[in-house]
Amino acid sequence: MSLDRPVVITCSISGSLADRTQCPAIPYTPEEYGAEARRIVDEGGVMIHIHARRPDGTPSYEIEDFGAITEAIRAEVDDVIINYSTGAIGVSLEKRIAYLRALQPDVAALNMGSMNYAKYSARRKEFVFQAVFANPFDEIIELLQVMNELHIKPEHECFDLGHVGSLAPLVDMGVAHTPLHVDFVMGVTGGIPPTARNLAAMADNVPEGSHWGVIGISRAQWMLVAAALTLGGSIRVGLEDNLYLPDGTMARSNGDLIAKARQMVQDVGRRPASVAEAREILGAPRRDLTRRDVLKGDA
């Protein structure tokens, strides 16, 4: 990628693991998602990655919850790229496809391979969380086929170098279409270690002409943001990935994290992409349909 290309700043507004006992700013209700979206866009974010929650904060994979959150965001901001998560442990592929079909976001994340997914405590000398995150090729291909049918741009999330290598056969099969939109998820125990050298190796292996960015998890996030910006990539921050600013202060909102990311973009001599520029870079043209339009069959 070229350093002259504008930087797509994405916000992971609310994940499915952290809750308000860890950070009071994490949104639960659609109205809170909408208010956070306003802060994100005001500070320069152009794409919002969504894990749905019920109003009590529990994770949800229901059409109604994704729809209500999306409506609240669109009521608050004139234009932003909507990106849905499709990753889950113990949630059927059919359920994940159902909300893509019903609501048709601009972009949908697609996990590019299976892995051990864990959190390790060096102090306790044990894994405090561990699971097998299964993403077999048959599920990847089925999700890609649905996204292609619905004109949803896939975001290929790669947690390891082998996941990047898995892109080539999918392109060769004709189910993944270049130029790709690829994000490297770094900092999860079980995935690639979060170093600048590893980020460069992953970037060197994406198909020619692809757009790529970094998703840094926890403390390594800001170092990875800096590395991606100097290598020509885009960036994602937000309360799903990391709750803290570089000085160790807990973020008061997603807007705090986006504001810091925008400052870093400008400090290295690059500039944030506008929403229109980001749509062109990603190949995600604006959808003017609302959830109600889709559910009524007006699409």
C-alpha atoms as a PDB file:
ATOM      1  CA  MET A   1       0.000   0.000   0.000  1.00  0.00           C
ATOM      2  CA  SER A   2       1.022   3.580  -0.560  1.00  0.00           C
ATOM      3  CA  LEU A   3       1.670   6.068   2.206  1.00  0.00           C
ATOM      4  CA  ASP A   4      -0.235   8.541   0.035  1.00  0.00           C
ATOM      5  CA  ARG A   5      -3.452   6.561   0.429  1.00  0.00           C
ATOM      6  CA  PRO A   6      -5.806   7.972   3.105  1.00  0.00           C
ATOM      7  CA  VAL A   7      -6.105   5.953   6.312  1.00  0.00           C
ATOM      8  CA  VAL A   8      -9.397   4.187   6.983  1.00  0.00           C
ATOM      9  CA  ILE A   9     -10.060   4.597  10.718  1.00  0.00           C
ATOM     10  CA  THR A  10     -12.381   1.893  12.046  1.00  0.00           C
ATOM     11  CA  CYS A  11     -13.924   1.663  15.505  1.00  0.00           C
ATOM     12  CA  SER A  12     -14.839  -1.626  17.177  1.00  0.00           C
ATOM     13  CA  ILE A  13     -17.613  -0.037  19.188  1.00  0.00           C
ATOM     14  CA  SER A  14     -18.409  -2.878  21.598  1.00  0.00           C
ATOM     15  CA  GLY A  15     -17.202  -6.468  21.645  1.00  0.00           C
ATOM     16  CA  SER A  16     -18.823  -9.495  23.235  1.00  0.00           C
ATOM     17  CA  LEU A  17     -16.402 -10.146  26.111  1.00  0.00           C
ATOM     18  CA  ALA A  18     -15.632  -6.967  28.084  1.00  0.00           C
ATOM     19  CA  ASP A  19     -18.445  -5.404  30.121  1.00  0.00           C
ATOM     20  CA  ARG A  20     -19.093  -2.358  32.275  1.00  0.00           C
ATOM     21  CA  THR A  21     -17.345  -3.837  35.287  1.00  0.00           C
ATOM     22  CA  GLN A  22     -14.189  -3.405  33.215  1.00  0.00           C
ATOM     23  CA  CYS A  23     -15.096  -0.144  31.454  1.00  0.00           C
ATOM     24  CA  PRO A  24     -18.209   1.962  32.192  1.00  0.00           C
ATOM     25  CA  ALA A  25     -18.202   3.435  28.657  1.00  0.00           C
ATOM     26  CA  ILE A  26     -19.098   0.177  26.870  1.00  0.00           C
ATOM     27  CA  PRO A  27     -22.498   0.667  25.178  1.00  0.00           C
ATOM     28  CA  TYR A  28     -25.342  -1.776  25.819  1.00  0.00           C
ATOM     29  CA  THR A  29     -28.564  -0.208  24.534  1.00  0.00           C
ATOM     30  CA  PRO A  30     -29.244   0.940  20.954  1.00  0.00           C
ATOM     31  CA  GLU A  31     -29.378   4.529  22.193  1.00  0.00           C
ATOM     32  CA  GLU A  32     -25.942   4.168  23.762  1.00  0.00           C
ATOM     33  CA  TYR A  33     -24.577   2.689  20.544  1.00  0.00           C
ATOM     34  CA  GLY A  34     -26.007   5.684  18.693  1.00  0.00           C
ATOM     35  CA  ALA A  35     -24.418   8.181  21.074  1.00  0.00           C
ATOM     36  CA  GLU A  36     -21.052   6.416  20.771  1.00  0.00           C
ATOM     37  CA  ALA A  37     -21.370   6.433  16.973  1.00  0.00           C
ATOM     38  CA  ARG A  38     -21.809  10.200  17.062  1.00  0.00           C
ATOM     39  CA  ARG A  39     -18.592  10.559  19.086  1.00  0.00           C
ATOM     40  CA  ILE A  40     -16.750   8.181  16.744  1.00  0.00           C
ATOM     41  CA  VAL A  41     -17.745  10.037  13.572  1.00  0.00           C
ATOM     42  CA  ASP A  42     -17.107  13.454  15.126  1.00  0.00           C
ATOM     43  CA  GLU A  43     -13.518  12.364  15.851  1.00  0.00           C
ATOM     44  CA  GLY A  44     -12.822  10.937  12.393  1.00  0.00           C
ATOM     45  CA  GLY A  45     -13.979   7.305  12.460  1.00  0.00           C
ATOM     46  CA  VAL A  46     -15.512   6.155   9.169  1.00  0.00           C
ATOM     47  CA  MET A  47     -16.386   2.495   9.819  1.00  0.00           C
ATOM     48  CA  ILE A  48     -18.066   0.970  12.883  1.00  0.00           C
ATOM     49  CA  HIS A  49     -17.624  -2.729  13.640  1.00  0.00           C
ATOM     50  CA  ILE A  50     -20.624  -4.078  15.542  1.00  0.00           C
ATOM     51  CA  HIS A  51     -21.114  -6.948  17.953  1.00  0.00           C
ATOM     52  CA  ALA A  52     -24.745  -6.794  19.012  1.00  0.00           C
ATOM     53  CA  ARG A  53     -25.874  -6.779  22.620  1.00  0.00           C
ATOM     54  CA  ARG A  54     -29.212  -6.893  24.348  1.00  0.00           C
ATOM     55  CA  PRO A  55     -30.052  -3.843  26.460  1.00  0.00           C
ATOM     56  CA  ASP A  56     -28.824  -5.704  29.565  1.00  0.00           C
ATOM     57  CA  GLY A  57     -25.387  -6.072  27.949  1.00  0.00           C
ATOM     58  CA  THR A  58     -25.453  -9.771  27.114  1.00  0.00           C
ATOM     59  CA  PRO A  59     -24.160 -10.657  23.633  1.00  0.00           C
ATOM     60  CA  SER A  60     -26.801 -11.202  20.954  1.00  0.00           C
ATOM     61  CA  TYR A  61     -26.896 -12.716  17.479  1.00  0.00           C
ATOM     62  CA  GLU A  62     -30.542 -11.869  16.847  1.00  0.00           C
ATOM     63  CA  ILE A  63     -31.763  -9.871  13.852  1.00  0.00           C
ATOM     64  CA  GLU A  64     -33.783  -7.560  16.080  1.00  0.00           C
ATOM     65  CA  ASP A  65     -30.807  -6.506  18.188  1.00  0.00           C
ATOM     66  CA  PHE A  66     -28.475  -5.930  15.226  1.00  0.00           C
ATOM     67  CA  GLY A  67     -31.299  -4.034  13.515  1.00  0.00           C
ATOM     68  CA  ALA A  68     -32.129  -1.806  16.474  1.00  0.00           C
ATOM     69  CA  ILE A  69     -28.466  -0.904  16.991  1.00  0.00           C
ATOM     70  CA  THR A  70     -27.982  -0.158  13.296  1.00  0.00           C
ATOM     71  CA  GLU A  71     -31.087   2.049  13.200  1.00  0.00           C
ATOM     72  CA  ALA A  72     -29.900   3.972  16.263  1.00  0.00           C
ATOM     73  CA  ILE A  73     -26.491   4.570  14.671  1.00  0.00           C
ATOM     74  CA  ARG A  74     -27.993   5.710  11.374  1.00  0.00           C
ATOM     75  CA  ALA A  75     -30.334   8.047  13.251  1.00  0.00           C
ATOM     76  CA  GLU A  76     -27.326   9.737  14.870  1.00  0.00           C
ATOM     77  CA  VAL A  77     -24.930  10.012  11.919  1.00  0.00           C
ATOM     78  CA  ASP A  78     -25.584  10.863   8.294  1.00  0.00           C
ATOM     79  CA  ASP A  79     -23.134   8.362   6.858  1.00  0.00           C
ATOM     80  CA  VAL A  80     -20.808   5.752   8.310  1.00  0.00           C
ATOM     81  CA  ILE A  81     -19.769   2.319   7.049  1.00  0.00           C
ATOM     82  CA  ILE A  82     -21.604  -0.404   8.977  1.00  0.00           C
ATOM     83  CA  ASN A  83     -19.567  -3.547   9.617  1.00  0.00           C
ATOM     84  CA  TYR A  84     -21.086  -6.626  11.324  1.00  0.00           C
ATOM     85  CA  SER A  85     -19.159  -9.320  13.162  1.00  0.00           C
ATOM     86  CA  THR A  86     -19.820 -12.900  12.065  1.00  0.00           C
ATOM     87  CA  GLY A  87     -17.382 -14.511  14.494  1.00  0.00           C
ATOM     88  CA  ALA A  88     -18.750 -16.591  17.349  1.00  0.00           C
ATOM     89  CA  ILE A  89     -18.145 -19.694  19.414  1.00  0.00           C
ATOM     90  CA  GLY A  90     -21.179 -21.926  19.820  1.00  0.00           C
ATOM     91  CA  VAL A  91     -23.490 -19.918  17.517  1.00  0.00           C
ATOM     92  CA  SER A  92     -24.766 -21.642  14.384  1.00  0.00           C
ATOM     93  CA  LEU A  93     -23.700 -20.548  10.944  1.00  0.00           C
ATOM     94  CA  GLU A  94     -27.380 -20.288   9.997  1.00  0.00           C
ATOM     95  CA  LYS A  95     -28.042 -17.704  12.708  1.00  0.00           C
ATOM     96  CA  ARG A  96     -25.066 -15.613  11.608  1.00  0.00           C
ATOM     97  CA  ILE A  97     -26.160 -15.740   7.988  1.00  0.00           C
ATOM     98  CA  ALA A  98     -29.720 -14.787   8.981  1.00  0.00           C
ATOM     99  CA  TYR A  99     -28.813 -11.306  10.210  1.00  0.00           C
ATOM    100  CA  LEU A 100     -26.610 -10.693   7.182  1.00  0.00           C
ATOM    101  CA  ARG A 101     -29.536 -11.544   4.887  1.00  0.00           C
ATOM    102  CA  ALA A 102     -32.061  -9.508   6.832  1.00  0.00           C
ATOM    103  CA  LEU A 103     -30.018  -6.361   7.377  1.00  0.00           C
ATOM    104  CA  GLN A 104     -27.324  -6.349   4.679  1.00  0.00           C
ATOM    105  CA  PRO A 105     -24.519  -4.299   6.264  1.00  0.00           C
ATOM    106  CA  ASP A 106     -21.928  -2.576   4.081  1.00  0.00           C
ATOM    107  CA  VAL A 107     -19.134  -4.839   5.352  1.00  0.00           C
ATOM    108  CA  ALA A 108     -18.989  -8.080   7.332  1.00  0.00           C
ATOM    109  CA  ALA A 109     -15.994  -9.500   9.166  1.00  0.00           C
ATOM    110  CA  LEU A 110     -14.887 -12.976   8.118  1.00  0.00           C
ATOM    111  CA  ASN A 111     -12.492 -14.948  10.309  1.00  0.00           C
ATOM    112  CA  MET A 112      -9.963 -16.655   8.080  1.00  0.00           C
ATOM    113  CA  GLY A 113      -9.034 -19.753  10.040  1.00  0.00           C
ATOM    114  CA  SER A 114      -9.347 -21.879  13.160  1.00  0.00           C
ATOM    115  CA  MET A 115      -7.141 -21.349  16.206  1.00  0.00           C
ATOM    116  CA  ASN A 116      -6.685 -21.717  19.940  1.00  0.00           C
ATOM    117  CA  TYR A 117      -8.089 -18.459  21.340  1.00  0.00           C
ATOM    118  CA  ALA A 118      -6.921 -17.677  24.852  1.00  0.00           C
ATOM    119  CA  LYS A 119      -5.951 -15.134  27.448  1.00  0.00           C
ATOM    120  CA  TYR A 120      -2.897 -15.911  29.553  1.00  0.00           C
ATOM    121  CA  SER A 121      -1.974 -14.494  32.962  1.00  0.00           C
ATOM    122  CA  ALA A 122       1.786 -14.328  33.481  1.00  0.00           C
ATOM    123  CA  ARG A 123       1.177 -13.445  37.121  1.00  0.00           C
ATOM    124  CA  ARG A 124      -0.999 -16.503  37.752  1.00  0.00           C
ATOM    125  CA  LYS A 125       0.946 -18.747  35.337  1.00  0.00           C
ATOM    126  CA  GLU A 126      -2.257 -20.020  33.769  1.00  0.00           C
ATOM    127  CA  PHE A 127      -4.756 -19.446  30.989  1.00  0.00           C
ATOM    128  CA  VAL A 128      -7.642 -17.430  32.385  1.00  0.00           C
ATOM    129  CA  PHE A 129      -9.683 -18.082  29.255  1.00  0.00           C
ATOM    130  CA  GLN A 130      -9.262 -20.606  26.471  1.00  0.00           C
ATOM    131  CA  ALA A 131     -11.381 -21.987  23.654  1.00  0.00           C
ATOM    132  CA  VAL A 132     -11.034 -23.468  20.195  1.00  0.00           C
ATOM    133  CA  PHE A 133     -12.200 -20.864  17.686  1.00  0.00           C
ATOM    134  CA  ALA A 134     -13.338 -23.004  14.768  1.00  0.00           C
ATOM    135  CA  ASN A 135     -13.519 -21.414  11.328  1.00  0.00           C
ATOM    136  CA  PRO A 136     -13.259 -24.258   8.788  1.00  0.00           C
ATOM    137  CA  PHE A 137     -12.954 -23.591   5.066  1.00  0.00           C
ATOM    138  CA  ASP A 138     -16.472 -24.848   4.298  1.00  0.00           C
ATOM    139  CA  GLU A 139     -17.963 -22.213   6.626  1.00  0.00           C
ATOM    140  CA  ILE A 140     -15.666 -19.498   5.252  1.00  0.00           C
ATOM    141  CA  ILE A 141     -16.742 -20.357   1.711  1.00  0.00           C
ATOM    142  CA  GLU A 142     -20.444 -20.394   2.620  1.00  0.00           C
ATOM    143  CA  LEU A 143     -20.173 -16.992   4.283  1.00  0.00           C
ATOM    144  CA  LEU A 144     -18.285 -15.623   1.275  1.00  0.00           C
ATOM    145  CA  GLN A 145     -20.961 -16.891  -1.097  1.00  0.00           C
ATOM    146  CA  VAL A 146     -23.678 -15.170   0.939  1.00  0.00           C
ATOM    147  CA  MET A 147     -21.697 -11.919   1.116  1.00  0.00           C
ATOM    148  CA  ASN A 148     -21.116 -12.010  -2.636  1.00  0.00           C
ATOM    149  CA  GLU A 149     -24.824 -12.593  -3.260  1.00  0.00           C
ATOM    150  CA  LEU A 150     -25.806  -9.670  -1.002  1.00  0.00           C
ATOM    151  CA  HIS A 151     -23.007  -7.335  -2.191  1.00  0.00           C
ATOM    152  CA  ILE A 152     -21.534  -7.169   1.307  1.00  0.00           C
ATOM    153  CA  LYS A 153     -17.791  -6.453   1.302  1.00  0.00           C
ATOM    154  CA  PRO A 154     -15.898  -9.135   3.288  1.00  0.00           C
ATOM    155  CA  GLU A 155     -13.348  -8.017   5.854  1.00  0.00           C
ATOM    156  CA  HIS A 156     -10.892 -10.913   5.999  1.00  0.00           C
ATOM    157  CA  GLU A 157      -9.699 -11.073   9.626  1.00  0.00           C
ATOM    158  CA  CYS A 158      -6.372 -12.912   9.885  1.00  0.00           C
ATOM    159  CA  PHE A 159      -5.073 -13.930  13.315  1.00  0.00           C
ATOM    160  CA  ASP A 160      -1.942 -15.636  11.984  1.00  0.00           C
ATOM    161  CA  LEU A 161       0.289 -15.693   8.924  1.00  0.00           C
ATOM    162  CA  GLY A 162      -1.301 -18.936   7.769  1.00  0.00           C
ATOM    163  CA  HIS A 163      -4.673 -17.186   7.668  1.00  0.00           C
ATOM    164  CA  VAL A 164      -3.198 -14.684   5.212  1.00  0.00           C
ATOM    165  CA  GLY A 165      -1.925 -17.595   3.124  1.00  0.00           C
ATOM    166  CA  SER A 166      -5.477 -18.982   3.011  1.00  0.00           C
ATOM    167  CA  LEU A 167      -6.628 -16.022   0.936  1.00  0.00           C
ATOM    168  CA  ALA A 168      -4.878 -17.183  -2.257  1.00  0.00           C
ATOM    169  CA  PRO A 169      -6.861 -20.399  -2.803  1.00  0.00           C
ATOM    170  CA  LEU A 170     -10.147 -18.591  -2.158  1.00  0.00           C
ATOM    171  CA  VAL A 171      -9.224 -16.017  -4.805  1.00  0.00           C
ATOM    172  CA  ASP A 172      -8.230 -18.814  -7.160  1.00  0.00           C
ATOM    173  CA  MET A 173     -11.604 -20.523  -6.570  1.00  0.00           C
ATOM    174  CA  GLY A 174     -13.412 -17.314  -7.448  1.00  0.00           C
ATOM    175  CA  VAL A 175     -15.218 -16.951  -4.098  1.00  0.00           C
ATOM    176  CA  ALA A 176     -12.974 -14.119  -2.861  1.00  0.00           C
ATOM    177  CA  HIS A 177     -12.613 -11.187  -5.226  1.00  0.00           C
ATOM    178  CA  THR A 178      -9.648  -8.828  -5.390  1.00  0.00           C
ATOM    179  CA  PRO A 179      -8.922  -6.194  -4.345  1.00  0.00           C
ATOM    180  CA  LEU A 180      -9.455  -7.649  -0.869  1.00  0.00           C
ATOM    181  CA  HIS A 181     -10.032  -5.861   2.430  1.00  0.00           C
ATOM    182  CA  VAL A 182      -7.809  -7.613   4.984  1.00  0.00           C
ATOM    183  CA  ASP A 183      -7.244  -6.926   8.683  1.00  0.00           C
ATOM    184  CA  PHE A 184      -4.515  -8.480  10.813  1.00  0.00           C
ATOM    185  CA  VAL A 185      -5.687  -9.273  14.357  1.00  0.00           C
ATOM    186  CA  MET A 186      -2.631  -9.245  16.599  1.00  0.00           C
ATOM    187  CA  GLY A 187      -2.267  -9.751  20.337  1.00  0.00           C
ATOM    188  CA  VAL A 188      -4.557 -12.737  20.939  1.00  0.00           C
ATOM    189  CA  THR A 189      -2.807 -15.652  22.675  1.00  0.00           C
ATOM    190  CA  GLY A 190      -2.893 -18.465  20.140  1.00  0.00           C
ATOM    191  CA  GLY A 191      -2.410 -16.095  17.223  1.00  0.00           C
ATOM    192  CA  ILE A 192       0.584 -14.260  15.818  1.00  0.00           C
ATOM    193  CA  PRO A 193       2.640 -12.306  18.406  1.00  0.00           C
ATOM    194  CA  PRO A 194       2.076  -8.527  18.186  1.00  0.00           C
ATOM    195  CA  THR A 195       5.321  -7.161  16.787  1.00  0.00           C
ATOM    196  CA  ALA A 196       6.075  -4.703  14.011  1.00  0.00           C
ATOM    197  CA  ARG A 197       8.181  -7.323  12.203  1.00  0.00           C
ATOM    198  CA  ASN A 198       5.277  -9.787  12.214  1.00  0.00           C
ATOM    199  CA  LEU A 199       2.927  -7.086  10.965  1.00  0.00           C
ATOM    200  CA  ALA A 200       5.270  -6.386   8.056  1.00  0.00           C
ATOM    201  CA  ALA A 201       5.428 -10.110   7.232  1.00  0.00           C
ATOM    202  CA  MET A 202       1.633 -10.351   7.132  1.00  0.00           C
ATOM    203  CA  ALA A 203       1.392  -7.244   4.951  1.00  0.00           C
ATOM    204  CA  ASP A 204       3.981  -8.709   2.555  1.00  0.00           C
ATOM    205  CA  ASN A 205       1.753 -11.753   2.013  1.00  0.00           C
ATOM    206  CA  VAL A 206      -1.585 -10.143   1.104  1.00  0.00           C
ATOM    207  CA  PRO A 207      -2.647 -10.438  -2.547  1.00  0.00           C
ATOM    208  CA  GLU A 208      -1.405  -7.595  -4.735  1.00  0.00           C
ATOM    209  CA  GLY A 209      -3.533  -4.460  -4.585  1.00  0.00           C
ATOM    210  CA  SER A 210      -5.370  -5.399  -1.382  1.00  0.00           C
ATOM    211  CA  HIS A 211      -6.272  -2.890   1.308  1.00  0.00           C
ATOM    212  CA  TRP A 212      -5.047  -3.911   4.750  1.00  0.00           C
ATOM    213  CA  GLY A 213      -5.178  -2.671   8.299  1.00  0.00           C
ATOM    214  CA  VAL A 214      -4.252  -3.752  11.809  1.00  0.00           C
ATOM    215  CA  ILE A 215      -6.407  -4.681  14.795  1.00  0.00           C
ATOM    216  CA  GLY A 216      -4.197  -4.530  17.871  1.00  0.00           C
ATOM    217  CA  ILE A 217      -5.543  -6.203  20.998  1.00  0.00           C
ATOM    218  CA  SER A 218      -4.911  -4.816  24.475  1.00  0.00           C
ATOM    219  CA  ARG A 219      -1.592  -3.180  25.431  1.00  0.00           C
ATOM    220  CA  ALA A 220       0.119  -3.719  22.082  1.00  0.00           C
ATOM    221  CA  GLN A 221      -2.513  -1.741  20.206  1.00  0.00           C
ATOM    222  CA  TRP A 222      -0.862   1.673  20.014  1.00  0.00           C
ATOM    223  CA  MET A 223       2.528   0.275  18.975  1.00  0.00           C
ATOM    224  CA  LEU A 224       0.803  -1.667  16.192  1.00  0.00           C
ATOM    225  CA  VAL A 225      -1.147   1.427  15.126  1.00  0.00           C
ATOM    226  CA  ALA A 226       2.139   3.310  14.755  1.00  0.00           C
ATOM    227  CA  ALA A 227       3.715   0.433  12.808  1.00  0.00           C
ATOM    228  CA  ALA A 228       0.748   0.102  10.444  1.00  0.00           C
ATOM    229  CA  LEU A 229       0.709   3.811   9.708  1.00  0.00           C
ATOM    230  CA  THR A 230       4.386   3.821   8.743  1.00  0.00           C
ATOM    231  CA  LEU A 231       3.944   0.708   6.582  1.00  0.00           C
ATOM    232  CA  GLY A 232       1.025   2.194   4.660  1.00  0.00           C
ATOM    233  CA  GLY A 233      -1.873   0.396   6.342  1.00  0.00           C
ATOM    234  CA  SER A 234      -5.131   1.418   7.966  1.00  0.00           C
ATOM    235  CA  ILE A 235      -6.092   1.052  11.632  1.00  0.00           C
ATOM    236  CA  ARG A 236      -8.816  -0.045  14.020  1.00  0.00           C
ATOM    237  CA  VAL A 237      -9.258   1.000  17.638  1.00  0.00           C
ATOM    238  CA  GLY A 238     -12.243   0.857  19.987  1.00  0.00           C
ATOM    239  CA  LEU A 239     -13.584  -0.535  23.234  1.00  0.00           C
ATOM    240  CA  GLU A 240     -13.761  -4.100  21.919  1.00  0.00           C
ATOM    241  CA  ASP A 241      -9.989  -4.222  21.459  1.00  0.00           C
ATOM    242  CA  ASN A 242      -8.467  -2.017  24.140  1.00  0.00           C
ATOM    243  CA  LEU A 243      -9.894   0.122  26.944  1.00  0.00           C
ATOM    244  CA  TYR A 244      -6.894   2.409  27.482  1.00  0.00           C
ATOM    245  CA  LEU A 245      -5.159   5.377  25.902  1.00  0.00           C
ATOM    246  CA  PRO A 246      -1.372   5.197  25.413  1.00  0.00           C
ATOM    247  CA  ASP A 247      -0.699   6.898  28.760  1.00  0.00           C
ATOM    248  CA  GLY A 248      -2.671   4.223  30.619  1.00  0.00           C
ATOM    249  CA  THR A 249      -5.776   6.335  31.156  1.00  0.00           C
ATOM    250  CA  MET A 250      -9.044   4.466  30.665  1.00  0.00           C
ATOM    251  CA  ALA A 251     -11.013   5.822  27.721  1.00  0.00           C
ATOM    252  CA  ARG A 252     -14.187   7.727  28.592  1.00  0.00           C
ATOM    253  CA  SER A 253     -15.702   6.732  25.257  1.00  0.00           C
ATOM    254  CA  ASN A 254     -14.833   5.297  21.866  1.00  0.00           C
ATOM    255  CA  GLY A 255     -14.429   8.911  20.802  1.00  0.00           C
ATOM    256  CA  ASP A 256     -11.335   9.246  23.016  1.00  0.00           C
ATOM    257  CA  LEU A 257      -9.694   6.297  21.249  1.00  0.00           C
ATOM    258  CA  ILE A 258     -10.601   7.527  17.773  1.00  0.00           C
ATOM    259  CA  ALA A 259      -9.316  11.025  18.568  1.00  0.00           C
ATOM    260  CA  LYS A 260      -5.937   9.583  19.593  1.00  0.00           C
ATOM    261  CA  ALA A 261      -5.801   7.403  16.491  1.00  0.00           C
ATOM    262  CA  ARG A 262      -6.561  10.399  14.267  1.00  0.00           C
ATOM    263  CA  GLN A 263      -3.796  12.402  15.947  1.00  0.00           C
ATOM    264  CA  MET A 264      -1.326   9.579  15.279  1.00  0.00           C
ATOM    265  CA  VAL A 265      -2.358   9.462  11.619  1.00  0.00           C
ATOM    266  CA  GLN A 266      -1.633  13.163  11.279  1.00  0.00           C
ATOM    267  CA  ASP A 267       1.585  12.980  13.302  1.00  0.00           C
ATOM    268  CA  VAL A 268       3.156  10.561  10.796  1.00  0.00           C
ATOM    269  CA  GLY A 269       2.195  12.782   7.867  1.00  0.00           C
ATOM    270  CA  ARG A 270      -0.805  10.857   6.610  1.00  0.00           C
ATOM    271  CA  ARG A 271      -4.457  11.868   6.635  1.00  0.00           C
ATOM    272  CA  PRO A 272      -7.707  10.181   7.667  1.00  0.00           C
ATOM    273  CA  ALA A 273     -10.016   9.030   4.873  1.00  0.00           C
ATOM    274  CA  SER A 274     -13.445  10.589   4.564  1.00  0.00           C
ATOM    275  CA  VAL A 275     -16.396   8.201   4.566  1.00  0.00           C
ATOM    276  CA  ALA A 276     -16.712   8.603   0.786  1.00  0.00           C
ATOM    277  CA  GLU A 277     -12.996   7.871   0.295  1.00  0.00           C
ATOM    278  CA  ALA A 278     -13.193   4.853   2.600  1.00  0.00           C
ATOM    279  CA  ARG A 279     -16.153   3.476   0.656  1.00  0.00           C
ATOM    280  CA  GLU A 280     -14.169   3.778  -2.566  1.00  0.00           C
ATOM    281  CA  ILE A 281     -11.033   2.206  -1.054  1.00  0.00           C
ATOM    282  CA  LEU A 282     -12.976  -0.721   0.385  1.00  0.00           C
ATOM    283  CA  GLY A 283     -15.393  -1.163  -2.483  1.00  0.00           C
ATOM    284  CA  ALA A 284     -18.387  -0.639  -0.203  1.00  0.00           C
ATOM    285  CA  PRO A 285     -20.803   1.780  -1.928  1.00  0.00           C
ATOM    286  CA  ARG A 286     -23.376   3.528   0.204  1.00  0.00           C
ATOM    287  CA  ARG A 287     -26.606   1.689   0.938  1.00  0.00           C
ATOM    288  CA  ASP A 288     -29.583   3.974   1.408  1.00  0.00           C
ATOM    289  CA  LEU A 289     -31.850   1.176   2.592  1.00  0.00           C
ATOM    290  CA  THR A 290     -33.014   1.070   6.182  1.00  0.00           C
ATOM    291  CA  ARG A 291     -33.729  -2.070   8.152  1.00  0.00           C
ATOM    292  CA  ARG A 292     -37.440  -1.461   7.702  1.00  0.00           C
ATOM    293  CA  ASP A 293     -36.990  -1.272   3.911  1.00  0.00           C
ATOM    294  CA  VAL A 294     -35.250  -4.641   3.922  1.00  0.00           C
ATOM    295  CA  LEU A 295     -37.779  -6.334   6.179  1.00  0.00           C
ATOM    296  CA  LYS A 296     -40.643  -5.015   4.059  1.00  0.00           C
ATOM    297  CA  GLY A 297     -39.044  -6.468   0.946  1.00  0.00           C
ATOM    298  CA  ASP A 298     -38.391  -3.074  -0.667  1.00  0.00           C
ATOM    299  CA  ALA A 299     -34.711  -3.890  -1.355  1.00  0.00           C
END
